[in-house]
PDB file of N, CA and C in Angstrom:
ATOM      1  N   MET A   1      73.792 113.598  84.124  1.00  0.00           N
ATOM      2  CA  MET A   1      75.051 113.769  84.796  1.00  0.00           C
ATOM      3  C   MET A   1      76.015 114.432  83.826  1.00  0.00           C
ATOM      4  N   LEU A   2      76.726 115.405  84.295  1.00  0.00           N
ATOM      5  CA  LEU A   2      77.687 116.117  83.467  1.00  0.00           C
ATOM      6  C   LEU A   2      78.933 115.267  83.259  1.00  0.00           C
ATOM      7  N   PRO A   3      79.628 115.472  82.154  1.00  0.00           N
ATOM      8  CA  PRO A   3      80.855 114.708  81.922  1.00  0.00           C
ATOM      9  C   PRO A   3      81.947 115.105  82.913  1.00  0.00           C
ATOM     10  N   SER A   4      82.854 114.184  83.144  1.00  0.00           N
ATOM     11  CA  SER A   4      83.966 114.426  84.062  1.00  0.00           C
ATOM     12  C   SER A   4      84.972 115.378  83.432  1.00  0.00           C
ATOM     13  N   ASN A   5      85.614 116.167  84.283  1.00  0.00           N
ATOM     14  CA  ASN A   5      86.696 117.034  83.818  1.00  0.00           C
ATOM     15  C   ASN A   5      88.045 116.353  84.015  1.00  0.00           C
ATOM     16  N   LEU A   6      88.047 115.122  84.525  1.00  0.00           N
ATOM     17  CA  LEU A   6      89.280 114.399  84.800  1.00  0.00           C
ATOM     18  C   LEU A   6      89.662 113.505  83.627  1.00  0.00           C
ATOM     19  N   THR A   7      90.960 113.280  83.497  1.00  0.00           N
ATOM     20  CA  THR A   7      91.438 112.360  82.463  1.00  0.00           C
ATOM     21  C   THR A   7      91.195 110.920  82.930  1.00  0.00           C
ATOM     22  N   ARG A   8      91.313 109.988  82.009  1.00  0.00           N
ATOM     23  CA  ARG A   8      91.151 108.562  82.355  1.00  0.00           C
ATOM     24  C   ARG A   8      92.171 108.153  83.416  1.00  0.00           C
ATOM     25  N   GLU A   9      93.408 108.644  83.288  1.00  0.00           N
ATOM     26  CA  GLU A   9      94.450 108.317  84.258  1.00  0.00           C
ATOM     27  C   GLU A   9      94.099 108.846  85.651  1.00  0.00           C
ATOM     28  N   GLN A  10      93.546 110.046  85.723  1.00  0.00           N
ATOM     29  CA  GLN A  10      93.137 110.617  87.006  1.00  0.00           C
ATOM     30  C   GLN A  10      91.989 109.814  87.626  1.00  0.00           C
ATOM     31  N   LEU A  11      91.034 109.391  86.801  1.00  0.00           N
ATOM     32  CA  LEU A  11      89.921 108.585  87.300  1.00  0.00           C
ATOM     33  C   LEU A  11      90.413 107.234  87.823  1.00  0.00           C
ATOM     34  N   LEU A  12      91.354 106.611  87.105  1.00  0.00           N
ATOM     35  CA  LEU A  12      91.919 105.337  87.555  1.00  0.00           C
ATOM     36  C   LEU A  12      92.671 105.511  88.879  1.00  0.00           C
ATOM     37  N   TYR A  13      93.436 106.589  88.981  1.00  0.00           N
ATOM     38  CA  TYR A  13      94.153 106.881  90.225  1.00  0.00           C
ATOM     39  C   TYR A  13      93.162 107.062  91.375  1.00  0.00           C
ATOM     40  N   ASN A  14      92.107 107.830  91.131  1.00  0.00           N
ATOM     41  CA  ASN A  14      91.095 108.065  92.172  1.00  0.00           C
ATOM     42  C   ASN A  14      90.423 106.756  92.591  1.00  0.00           C
ATOM     43  N   ASN A  15      90.101 105.885  91.628  1.00  0.00           N
ATOM     44  CA  ASN A  15      89.509 104.591  91.949  1.00  0.00           C
ATOM     45  C   ASN A  15      90.418 103.789  92.874  1.00  0.00           C
ATOM     46  N   THR A  16      91.694 103.747  92.545  1.00  0.00           N
ATOM     47  CA  THR A  16      92.664 103.002  93.357  1.00  0.00           C
ATOM     48  C   THR A  16      92.785 103.606  94.750  1.00  0.00           C
ATOM     49  N   LEU A  17      92.889 104.916  94.823  1.00  0.00           N
ATOM     50  CA  LEU A  17      93.010 105.598  96.116  1.00  0.00           C
ATOM     51  C   LEU A  17      91.764 105.378  96.970  1.00  0.00           C
ATOM     52  N   LEU A  18      90.596 105.521  96.383  1.00  0.00           N
ATOM     53  CA  LEU A  18      89.351 105.339  97.133  1.00  0.00           C
ATOM     54  C   LEU A  18      89.208 103.899  97.627  1.00  0.00           C
ATOM     55  N   ALA A  19      89.536 102.919  96.786  1.00  0.00           N
ATOM     56  CA  ALA A  19      89.459 101.516  97.211  1.00  0.00           C
ATOM     57  C   ALA A  19      90.407 101.263  98.378  1.00  0.00           C
ATOM     58  N   THR A  20      91.599 101.829  98.316  1.00  0.00           N
ATOM     59  CA  THR A  20      92.566 101.671  99.411  1.00  0.00           C
ATOM     60  C   THR A  20      92.017 102.274 100.695  1.00  0.00           C
ATOM     61  N   MET A  21      91.477 103.473 100.609  1.00  0.00           N
ATOM     62  CA  MET A  21      90.924 104.131 101.793  1.00  0.00           C
ATOM     63  C   MET A  21      89.747 103.353 102.362  1.00  0.00           C
ATOM     64  N   LEU A  22      88.874 102.866 101.505  1.00  0.00           N
ATOM     65  CA  LEU A  22      87.711 102.108 101.964  1.00  0.00           C
ATOM     66  C   LEU A  22      88.119 100.835 102.696  1.00  0.00           C
ATOM     67  N   ASN A  23      89.207 100.222 102.262  1.00  0.00           N
ATOM     68  CA  ASN A  23      89.623  98.949 102.838  1.00  0.00           C
ATOM     69  C   ASN A  23      90.584  99.084 104.012  1.00  0.00           C
ATOM     70  N   GLU A  24      91.173 100.257 104.205  1.00  0.00           N
ATOM     71  CA  GLU A  24      92.121 100.453 105.303  1.00  0.00           C
ATOM     72  C   GLU A  24      91.455 100.835 106.605  1.00  0.00           C
ATOM     73  N   GLN A  25      90.369 101.568 106.543  1.00  0.00           N
ATOM     74  CA  GLN A  25      89.770 102.107 107.757  1.00  0.00           C
ATOM     75  C   GLN A  25      88.301 102.414 107.533  1.00  0.00           C
ATOM     76  N   ASN A  26      87.595 102.684 108.627  1.00  0.00           N
ATOM     77  CA  ASN A  26      86.194 103.086 108.519  1.00  0.00           C
ATOM     78  C   ASN A  26      86.168 104.583 108.220  1.00  0.00           C
ATOM     79  N   VAL A  27      85.787 104.954 107.031  1.00  0.00           N
ATOM     80  CA  VAL A  27      85.820 106.349 106.609  1.00  0.00           C
ATOM     81  C   VAL A  27      84.453 107.028 106.648  1.00  0.00           C
ATOM     82  N   PHE A  28      83.423 106.314 107.110  1.00  0.00           N
ATOM     83  CA  PHE A  28      82.085 106.871 107.111  1.00  0.00           C
ATOM     84  C   PHE A  28      81.668 107.343 108.497  1.00  0.00           C
ATOM     85  N   ASP A  29      80.661 108.181 108.552  1.00  0.00           N
ATOM     86  CA  ASP A  29      80.192 108.713 109.826  1.00  0.00           C
ATOM     87  C   ASP A  29      79.246 107.759 110.546  1.00  0.00           C
ATOM     88  N   ILE A  30      78.955 106.620 109.943  1.00  0.00           N
ATOM     89  CA  ILE A  30      78.164 105.573 110.595  1.00  0.00           C
ATOM     90  C   ILE A  30      78.909 104.248 110.407  1.00  0.00           C
ATOM     91  N   ALA A  31      78.627 103.308 111.289  1.00  0.00           N
ATOM     92  CA  ALA A  31      79.252 101.993 111.155  1.00  0.00           C
ATOM     93  C   ALA A  31      78.588 101.233 110.013  1.00  0.00           C
ATOM     94  N   LEU A  32      79.386 100.752 109.090  1.00  0.00           N
ATOM     95  CA  LEU A  32      78.875  99.951 107.983  1.00  0.00           C
ATOM     96  C   LEU A  32      79.330  98.511 108.174  1.00  0.00           C
ATOM     97  N   THR A  33      78.440  97.599 107.907  1.00  0.00           N
ATOM     98  CA  THR A  33      78.777  96.178 107.929  1.00  0.00           C
ATOM     99  C   THR A  33      78.393  95.611 106.570  1.00  0.00           C
ATOM    100  N   PRO A  34      79.279  95.801 105.588  1.00  0.00           N
ATOM    101  CA  PRO A  34      78.935  95.345 104.235  1.00  0.00           C
ATOM    102  C   PRO A  34      78.876  93.832 104.144  1.00  0.00           C
ATOM    103  N   LYS A  35      78.011  93.384 103.260  1.00  0.00           N
ATOM    104  CA  LYS A  35      77.841  91.957 102.986  1.00  0.00           C
ATOM    105  C   LYS A  35      78.297  91.698 101.543  1.00  0.00           C
ATOM    106  N   PRO A  36      78.657  90.443 101.247  1.00  0.00           N
ATOM    107  CA  PRO A  36      79.062  90.131  99.872  1.00  0.00           C
ATOM    108  C   PRO A  36      78.011  90.621  98.867  1.00  0.00           C
ATOM    109  N   LYS A  37      78.491  91.184  97.780  1.00  0.00           N
ATOM    110  CA  LYS A  37      77.702  91.718  96.675  1.00  0.00           C
ATOM    111  C   LYS A  37      77.098  93.096  96.951  1.00  0.00           C
ATOM    112  N   ASP A  38      77.301  93.665  98.160  1.00  0.00           N
ATOM    113  CA  ASP A  38      76.842  95.037  98.395  1.00  0.00           C
ATOM    114  C   ASP A  38      77.563  95.963  97.431  1.00  0.00           C
ATOM    115  N   ARG A  39      76.867  97.013  97.026  1.00  0.00           N
ATOM    116  CA  ARG A  39      77.454  97.992  96.114  1.00  0.00           C
ATOM    117  C   ARG A  39      77.549  99.338  96.809  1.00  0.00           C
ATOM    118  N   LEU A  40      78.525 100.103  96.409  1.00  0.00           N
ATOM    119  CA  LEU A  40      78.752 101.426  96.975  1.00  0.00           C
ATOM    120  C   LEU A  40      79.036 102.381  95.826  1.00  0.00           C
ATOM    121  N   LEU A  41      78.315 103.461  95.785  1.00  0.00           N
ATOM    122  CA  LEU A  41      78.517 104.478  94.758  1.00  0.00           C
ATOM    123  C   LEU A  41      78.936 105.755  95.458  1.00  0.00           C
ATOM    124  N   LEU A  42      80.122 106.261  95.131  1.00  0.00           N
ATOM    125  CA  LEU A  42      80.625 107.518  95.677  1.00  0.00           C
ATOM    126  C   LEU A  42      80.540 108.571  94.578  1.00  0.00           C
ATOM    127  N   VAL A  43      79.957 109.720  94.910  1.00  0.00           N
ATOM    128  CA  VAL A  43      79.770 110.780  93.929  1.00  0.00           C
ATOM    129  C   VAL A  43      80.422 112.054  94.448  1.00  0.00           C
ATOM    130  N   PHE A  44      81.320 112.607  93.651  1.00  0.00           N
ATOM    131  CA  PHE A  44      82.004 113.862  93.954  1.00  0.00           C
ATOM    132  C   PHE A  44      81.790 114.795  92.771  1.00  0.00           C
ATOM    133  N   ASP A  45      80.982 115.812  92.960  1.00  0.00           N
ATOM    134  CA  ASP A  45      80.644 116.733  91.879  1.00  0.00           C
ATOM    135  C   ASP A  45      80.196 115.955  90.644  1.00  0.00           C
ATOM    136  N   ASN A  46      81.005 115.972  89.568  1.00  0.00           N
ATOM    137  CA  ASN A  46      80.615 115.299  88.322  1.00  0.00           C
ATOM    138  C   ASN A  46      81.220 113.906  88.165  1.00  0.00           C
ATOM    139  N   ASP A  47      81.956 113.439  89.174  1.00  0.00           N
ATOM    140  CA  ASP A  47      82.653 112.160  89.058  1.00  0.00           C
ATOM    141  C   ASP A  47      82.057 111.137  90.019  1.00  0.00           C
ATOM    142  N   SER A  48      81.799 109.940  89.507  1.00  0.00           N
ATOM    143  CA  SER A  48      81.217 108.861  90.306  1.00  0.00           C
ATOM    144  C   SER A  48      82.129 107.645  90.254  1.00  0.00           C
ATOM    145  N   TYR A  49      82.175 106.921  91.383  1.00  0.00           N
ATOM    146  CA  TYR A  49      83.034 105.755  91.507  1.00  0.00           C
ATOM    147  C   TYR A  49      82.218 104.622  92.105  1.00  0.00           C
ATOM    148  N   GLY A  50      82.234 103.467  91.458  1.00  0.00           N
ATOM    149  CA  GLY A  50      81.463 102.324  91.913  1.00  0.00           C
ATOM    150  C   GLY A  50      82.343 101.237  92.502  1.00  0.00           C
ATOM    151  N   PHE A  51      81.837 100.590  93.563  1.00  0.00           N
ATOM    152  CA  PHE A  51      82.557  99.515  94.241  1.00  0.00           C
ATOM    153  C   PHE A  51      81.574  98.414  94.600  1.00  0.00           C
ATOM    154  N   ARG A  52      82.085  97.186  94.681  1.00  0.00           N
ATOM    155  CA  ARG A  52      81.303  96.039  95.133  1.00  0.00           C
ATOM    156  C   ARG A  52      82.113  95.365  96.238  1.00  0.00           C
ATOM    157  N   PHE A  53      81.410  94.882  97.274  1.00  0.00           N
ATOM    158  CA  PHE A  53      82.071  94.192  98.379  1.00  0.00           C
ATOM    159  C   PHE A  53      82.225  92.719  98.008  1.00  0.00           C
ATOM    160  N   LYS A  54      83.491  92.274  97.876  1.00  0.00           N
ATOM    161  CA  LYS A  54      83.809  90.913  97.451  1.00  0.00           C
ATOM    162  C   LYS A  54      84.929  90.359  98.313  1.00  0.00           C
ATOM    163  N   LYS A  55      84.728  89.157  98.817  1.00  0.00           N
ATOM    164  CA  LYS A  55      85.763  88.461  99.583  1.00  0.00           C
ATOM    165  C   LYS A  55      86.340  89.343 100.695  1.00  0.00           C
ATOM    166  N   GLY A  56      85.454  90.069 101.375  1.00  0.00           N
ATOM    167  CA  GLY A  56      85.859  90.852 102.536  1.00  0.00           C
ATOM    168  C   GLY A  56      86.471  92.206 102.260  1.00  0.00           C
ATOM    169  N   LYS A  57      86.395  92.676 101.003  1.00  0.00           N
ATOM    170  CA  LYS A  57      86.933  94.017 100.728  1.00  0.00           C
ATOM    171  C   LYS A  57      86.175  94.670  99.577  1.00  0.00           C
ATOM    172  N   TRP A  58      86.308  95.984  99.493  1.00  0.00           N
ATOM    173  CA  TRP A  58      85.699  96.751  98.413  1.00  0.00           C
ATOM    174  C   TRP A  58      86.604  96.682  97.193  1.00  0.00           C
ATOM    175  N   VAL A  59      86.013  96.385  96.038  1.00  0.00           N
ATOM    176  CA  VAL A  59      86.748  96.362  94.777  1.00  0.00           C
ATOM    177  C   VAL A  59      86.040  97.281  93.782  1.00  0.00           C
ATOM    178  N   VAL A  60      86.832  97.877  92.917  1.00  0.00           N
ATOM    179  CA  VAL A  60      86.295  98.781  91.901  1.00  0.00           C
ATOM    180  C   VAL A  60      85.392  97.996  90.966  1.00  0.00           C
ATOM    181  N   GLU A  61      84.251  98.578  90.626  1.00  0.00           N
ATOM    182  CA  GLU A  61      83.336  97.936  89.688  1.00  0.00           C
ATOM    183  C   GLU A  61      82.764  98.986  88.745  1.00  0.00           C
ATOM    184  N   GLU A  62      82.878  98.704  87.456  1.00  0.00           N
ATOM    185  CA  GLU A  62      82.251  99.577  86.462  1.00  0.00           C
ATOM    186  C   GLU A  62      80.744  99.548  86.701  1.00  0.00           C
ATOM    187  N   PHE A  63      80.083 100.653  86.447  1.00  0.00           N
ATOM    188  CA  PHE A  63      78.656 100.697  86.720  1.00  0.00           C
ATOM    189  C   PHE A  63      77.943 101.595  85.734  1.00  0.00           C
ATOM    190  N   ASP A  64      76.671 101.344  85.623  1.00  0.00           N
ATOM    191  CA  ASP A  64      75.754 102.201  84.891  1.00  0.00           C
ATOM    192  C   ASP A  64      74.867 102.814  85.964  1.00  0.00           C
ATOM    193  N   SER A  65      74.965 104.113  86.165  1.00  0.00           N
ATOM    194  CA  SER A  65      74.257 104.759  87.274  1.00  0.00           C
ATOM    195  C   SER A  65      72.750 104.524  87.214  1.00  0.00           C
ATOM    196  N   HIS A  66      72.179 104.472  86.020  1.00  0.00           N
ATOM    197  CA  HIS A  66      70.740 104.236  85.913  1.00  0.00           C
ATOM    198  C   HIS A  66      70.385 102.814  86.352  1.00  0.00           C
ATOM    199  N   GLU A  67      71.196 101.841  85.965  1.00  0.00           N
ATOM    200  CA  GLU A  67      70.949 100.455  86.369  1.00  0.00           C
ATOM    201  C   GLU A  67      71.094 100.315  87.884  1.00  0.00           C
ATOM    202  N   TRP A  68      72.104 100.953  88.460  1.00  0.00           N
ATOM    203  CA  TRP A  68      72.311 100.866  89.912  1.00  0.00           C
ATOM    204  C   TRP A  68      71.153 101.496  90.663  1.00  0.00           C
ATOM    205  N   LEU A  69      70.643 102.592  90.157  1.00  0.00           N
ATOM    206  CA  LEU A  69      69.503 103.237  90.825  1.00  0.00           C
ATOM    207  C   LEU A  69      68.242 102.383  90.706  1.00  0.00           C
ATOM    208  N   TRP A  70      68.088 101.694  89.607  1.00  0.00           N
ATOM    209  CA  TRP A  70      66.897 100.892  89.362  1.00  0.00           C
ATOM    210  C   TRP A  70      66.888  99.621  90.197  1.00  0.00           C
ATOM    211  N   HIS A  71      68.059  98.980  90.371  1.00  0.00           N
ATOM    212  CA  HIS A  71      68.153  97.695  91.073  1.00  0.00           C
ATOM    213  C   HIS A  71      68.851  97.878  92.417  1.00  0.00           C
ATOM    214  N   HIS A  72      68.113  98.290  93.411  1.00  0.00           N
ATOM    215  CA  HIS A  72      68.682  98.398  94.750  1.00  0.00           C
ATOM    216  C   HIS A  72      67.623  98.045  95.784  1.00  0.00           C
ATOM    217  N   ASN A  73      68.082  97.547  96.932  1.00  0.00           N
ATOM    218  CA  ASN A  73      67.160  97.200  98.008  1.00  0.00           C
ATOM    219  C   ASN A  73      66.956  98.356  98.969  1.00  0.00           C
ATOM    220  N   ASN A  74      68.015  99.035  99.303  1.00  0.00           N
ATOM    221  CA  ASN A  74      67.898 100.226 100.135  1.00  0.00           C
ATOM    222  C   ASN A  74      69.064 101.150  99.834  1.00  0.00           C
ATOM    223  N   GLU A  75      68.918 102.357 100.278  1.00  0.00           N
ATOM    224  CA  GLU A  75      69.901 103.379  99.967  1.00  0.00           C
ATOM    225  C   GLU A  75      70.158 104.181 101.217  1.00  0.00           C
ATOM    226  N   GLU A  76      71.433 104.420 101.510  1.00  0.00           N
ATOM    227  CA  GLU A  76      71.797 105.259 102.636  1.00  0.00           C
ATOM    228  C   GLU A  76      72.764 106.318 102.141  1.00  0.00           C
ATOM    229  N   HIS A  77      72.645 107.494 102.672  1.00  0.00           N
ATOM    230  CA  HIS A  77      73.560 108.573 102.361  1.00  0.00           C
ATOM    231  C   HIS A  77      74.371 108.846 103.613  1.00  0.00           C
ATOM    232  N   VAL A  78      75.696 108.808 103.481  1.00  0.00           N
ATOM    233  CA  VAL A  78      76.569 109.072 104.612  1.00  0.00           C
ATOM    234  C   VAL A  78      77.658 110.039 104.187  1.00  0.00           C
ATOM    235  N   LYS A  79      78.321 110.615 105.145  1.00  0.00           N
ATOM    236  CA  LYS A  79      79.408 111.534 104.871  1.00  0.00           C
ATOM    237  C   LYS A  79      80.728 110.851 105.165  1.00  0.00           C
ATOM    238  N   ILE A  80      81.751 111.209 104.396  1.00  0.00           N
ATOM    239  CA  ILE A  80      83.090 110.680 104.637  1.00  0.00           C
ATOM    240  C   ILE A  80      83.766 111.572 105.657  1.00  0.00           C
ATOM    241  N   LYS A  81      84.428 110.952 106.639  1.00  0.00           N
ATOM    242  CA  LYS A  81      85.149 111.703 107.667  1.00  0.00           C
ATOM    243  C   LYS A  81      86.307 112.451 107.045  1.00  0.00           C
ATOM    244  N   LYS A  82      86.577 113.635 107.545  1.00  0.00           N
ATOM    245  CA  LYS A  82      87.749 114.392 107.102  1.00  0.00           C
ATOM    246  C   LYS A  82      88.968 113.826 107.812  1.00  0.00           C
ATOM    247  N   ARG A  83      90.069 113.763 107.100  1.00  0.00           N
ATOM    248  CA  ARG A  83      91.327 113.274 107.696  1.00  0.00           C
ATOM    249  C   ARG A  83      92.029 114.369 108.412  1.00  0.00           C
TER     250      ARG A  83
END
């Protein structure tokens, strides 16, 4: 994976914005019914953002992409709806 071109502040802002969007509305092209401890990895070009479903909402979670790929039960690829 290539390094990010974004600053740490930009990555933190994006994490906050993405978590807000994920928790405000259904942003995917399929209906998702997340369960506690489900993980979500969003990848945009060279930048990746990890989330875990906790207490009924998505929260930002630091991740190691190799560990996440190694330990998963199933994987789905979906598209985010355009606003």
